[in-house]
Amino acid sequence: MPEHTPAPTPHRAIYGYAFYLLVIALFVFYFLWALLPTKEWGLTYLPDKYFAVLLPMLVLVGLSFFAFFIYPAISMSLTADIDEMASVADVSLILKGKQKKIVRSWSELQQEMVPNRKASKNSGNLIENCYYCLGSHSIPKVADQIDTLRFMDLAEVNKKLFE
């Protein structure tokens, strides 16, 4: 099966050259239609010269309308609301490896991220269901512990950055 690449192939080169010649020929016919007097040659079936200016202007107006109104409206309709979790964090990456669950708030997300710690019967400080070392390390003393990773509230981040 051939690989799909943008590399030039013989049939792409032929079709590209044919399309290039077609566009050049259409432009030459458009230019001749716009500038030469057609009624003196008996060509009465061609549209009025007014359309030689109107059609490019309609295309430009349509493109500008699309670029400034339609395209941003499509982007805004596909963007998550400001109060949804998806607008700030990708929950599927944060809860990787756990069961898929819909998380609607920061507090639910933080509850999902807290590991379940159980004390072993043999020694009181071992973690049995650690995701990384499978229960072979012990909990450090309180003075040596690093604060728990948590997500800062967006208002708190903005306050720190912009004040």
Protein backbone atom coordinates (compact mmCIF):
# COMPACT_ATOMS: atom_id res chain seq x y z
CA MET A 1 0.00 0.00 0.00
CA PRO A 2 1.48 3.40 -0.92
CA GLU A 3 2.40 5.80 1.81
CA HIS A 4 0.53 9.11 2.00
CA THR A 5 3.15 11.82 1.79
CA PRO A 6 3.18 15.35 0.38
CA ALA A 7 6.28 14.47 -1.63
CA PRO A 8 6.03 15.17 -5.37
CA THR A 9 5.03 12.14 -7.42
CA PRO A 10 4.68 11.96 -11.22
CA HIS A 11 0.87 12.07 -11.26
CA ARG A 12 0.83 14.97 -8.80
CA ALA A 13 3.28 16.85 -10.99
CA ILE A 14 1.14 16.28 -14.09
CA TYR A 15 -2.11 17.29 -12.36
CA GLY A 16 -0.41 20.29 -10.78
CA TYR A 17 0.95 21.50 -14.08
CA ALA A 18 -2.44 21.00 -15.79
CA PHE A 19 -4.15 22.94 -12.99
CA TYR A 20 -1.55 25.70 -13.31
CA LEU A 21 -2.20 25.98 -17.06
CA LEU A 22 -5.96 26.01 -16.45
CA VAL A 23 -5.72 28.85 -13.93
CA ILE A 24 -3.46 30.88 -16.20
CA ALA A 25 -5.83 30.37 -19.15
CA LEU A 26 -8.87 31.36 -17.06
CA PHE A 27 -7.07 34.47 -15.85
CA VAL A 28 -6.15 35.45 -19.41
CA PHE A 29 -9.79 34.97 -20.56
CA TYR A 30 -11.02 37.00 -17.56
CA PHE A 31 -8.54 39.77 -18.30
CA LEU A 32 -9.48 39.86 -22.01
CA TRP A 33 -13.19 39.88 -21.14
CA ALA A 34 -12.67 42.76 -18.72
CA LEU A 35 -10.60 44.96 -21.07
CA LEU A 36 -11.51 44.21 -24.69
CA PRO A 37 -14.70 45.45 -26.33
CA THR A 38 -16.79 42.32 -26.79
CA LYS A 39 -19.87 43.82 -28.52
CA GLU A 40 -17.83 44.98 -31.50
CA TRP A 41 -16.67 41.41 -32.07
CA GLY A 42 -20.22 40.10 -31.90
CA LEU A 43 -19.88 38.48 -28.48
CA THR A 44 -23.21 39.58 -27.02
CA TYR A 45 -23.73 36.52 -24.80
CA LEU A 46 -20.97 37.45 -22.30
CA PRO A 47 -21.97 39.12 -19.02
CA ASP A 48 -21.72 42.88 -18.60
CA LYS A 49 -18.34 44.45 -17.79
CA TYR A 50 -19.80 45.51 -14.46
CA PHE A 51 -19.36 41.89 -13.26
CA ALA A 52 -15.63 42.01 -14.02
CA VAL A 53 -15.27 44.31 -11.02
CA LEU A 54 -18.19 42.98 -8.98
CA LEU A 55 -17.16 39.31 -8.82
CA PRO A 56 -13.66 39.88 -7.33
CA MET A 57 -15.13 42.37 -4.87
CA LEU A 58 -17.80 39.85 -3.82
CA VAL A 59 -15.12 37.22 -3.26
CA LEU A 60 -13.05 39.64 -1.13
CA VAL A 61 -16.09 40.72 0.91
CA GLY A 62 -17.04 37.07 1.44
CA LEU A 63 -13.53 36.16 2.57
CA SER A 64 -13.31 39.11 4.94
CA PHE A 65 -16.77 38.32 6.37
CA PHE A 66 -15.69 34.73 6.93
CA ALA A 67 -12.33 35.74 8.45
CA PHE A 68 -13.74 38.31 10.88
CA PHE A 69 -17.15 36.86 11.79
CA ILE A 70 -17.76 33.24 10.79
CA TYR A 71 -14.39 31.72 11.70
CA PRO A 72 -14.20 33.33 15.19
CA ALA A 73 -17.83 32.33 15.80
CA ILE A 74 -17.01 28.70 14.97
CA SER A 75 -13.98 28.82 17.28
CA MET A 76 -16.01 30.32 20.12
CA SER A 77 -18.75 27.73 19.73
CA LEU A 78 -16.21 24.90 20.00
CA THR A 79 -14.43 26.37 23.04
CA ALA A 80 -15.36 25.06 26.48
CA ASP A 81 -17.24 27.40 28.81
CA ILE A 82 -15.17 29.36 31.31
CA ASP A 83 -16.58 27.46 34.28
CA GLU A 84 -15.84 23.99 32.83
CA MET A 85 -12.84 21.98 33.97
CA ALA A 86 -11.78 21.38 30.36
CA SER A 87 -10.97 25.08 29.92
CA VAL A 88 -8.23 24.93 32.57
CA ALA A 89 -7.02 21.32 32.93
CA ASP A 90 -7.11 18.11 30.95
CA VAL A 91 -8.67 15.74 33.46
CA SER A 92 -7.92 12.66 31.36
CA LEU A 93 -4.18 13.37 31.62
CA ILE A 94 -4.31 14.18 35.32
CA LEU A 95 -6.21 11.02 36.24
CA LYS A 96 -4.19 8.83 33.87
CA GLY A 97 -4.37 5.16 34.77
CA LYS A 98 -7.44 5.54 36.95
CA GLN A 99 -11.00 4.82 35.97
CA LYS A 100 -12.60 7.35 33.65
CA LYS A 101 -14.77 9.70 35.66
CA ILE A 102 -16.39 13.04 34.93
CA VAL A 103 -14.94 15.65 37.27
CA ARG A 104 -16.93 18.85 37.58
CA SER A 105 -14.98 20.90 40.15
CA TRP A 106 -11.52 21.44 41.60
CA SER A 107 -12.46 19.80 44.88
CA GLU A 108 -13.58 16.61 43.08
CA LEU A 109 -10.33 16.57 41.13
CA GLN A 110 -8.23 16.96 44.26
CA GLN A 111 -10.17 14.16 45.97
CA GLU A 112 -9.49 11.89 43.00
CA MET A 113 -5.77 12.68 43.10
CA VAL A 114 -5.27 11.82 46.77
CA PRO A 115 -3.67 8.36 46.92
CA ASN A 116 -5.26 5.74 49.13
CA ARG A 117 -2.72 5.14 51.90
CA LYS A 118 -3.00 2.17 54.20
CA ALA A 119 -0.65 1.15 56.94
CA SER A 120 0.92 -2.26 56.59
CA LYS A 121 0.49 -4.80 59.36
CA ASN A 122 4.24 -5.49 59.45
CA SER A 123 5.42 -1.90 59.80
CA GLY A 124 3.21 1.09 60.52
CA ASN A 125 4.77 3.50 58.00
CA LEU A 126 4.68 1.60 54.69
CA ILE A 127 2.38 2.53 51.83
CA GLU A 128 0.83 -0.60 50.32
CA ASN A 129 -0.83 0.78 47.20
CA CYS A 130 1.71 3.30 46.00
CA TYR A 131 1.51 3.86 42.22
CA TYR A 132 5.26 4.16 41.79
CA CYS A 133 7.13 1.70 44.00
CA LEU A 134 4.38 -0.82 44.81
CA GLY A 135 4.66 -0.42 48.60
CA SER A 136 8.41 -0.65 49.09
CA HIS A 137 9.04 2.76 50.64
CA SER A 138 7.99 4.41 53.87
CA ILE A 139 6.40 7.76 54.56
CA PRO A 140 9.04 10.40 55.41
CA LYS A 141 8.94 12.28 58.67
CA VAL A 142 6.76 15.39 58.82
CA ALA A 143 9.79 17.74 58.80
CA ASP A 144 11.16 16.13 55.61
CA GLN A 145 7.90 16.08 53.66
CA ILE A 146 7.21 18.31 50.68
CA ASP A 147 3.81 19.96 50.51
CA THR A 148 1.18 18.03 48.60
CA LEU A 149 0.83 18.95 44.95
CA ARG A 150 -2.39 20.84 44.39
CA PHE A 151 -3.95 22.87 41.67
CA MET A 152 -4.08 26.55 42.39
CA ASP A 153 -7.34 28.34 41.85
CA LEU A 154 -7.39 30.37 38.64
CA ALA A 155 -8.26 33.54 40.58
CA GLU A 156 -5.22 32.98 42.78
CA VAL A 157 -2.96 32.54 39.74
CA ASN A 158 -4.27 35.72 38.15
CA LYS A 159 -3.83 37.59 41.42
CA LYS A 160 -0.17 36.50 41.70
CA LEU A 161 0.62 37.19 38.04
CA PHE A 162 -1.19 40.47 37.40
CA GLU A 163 -0.95 42.37 40.66
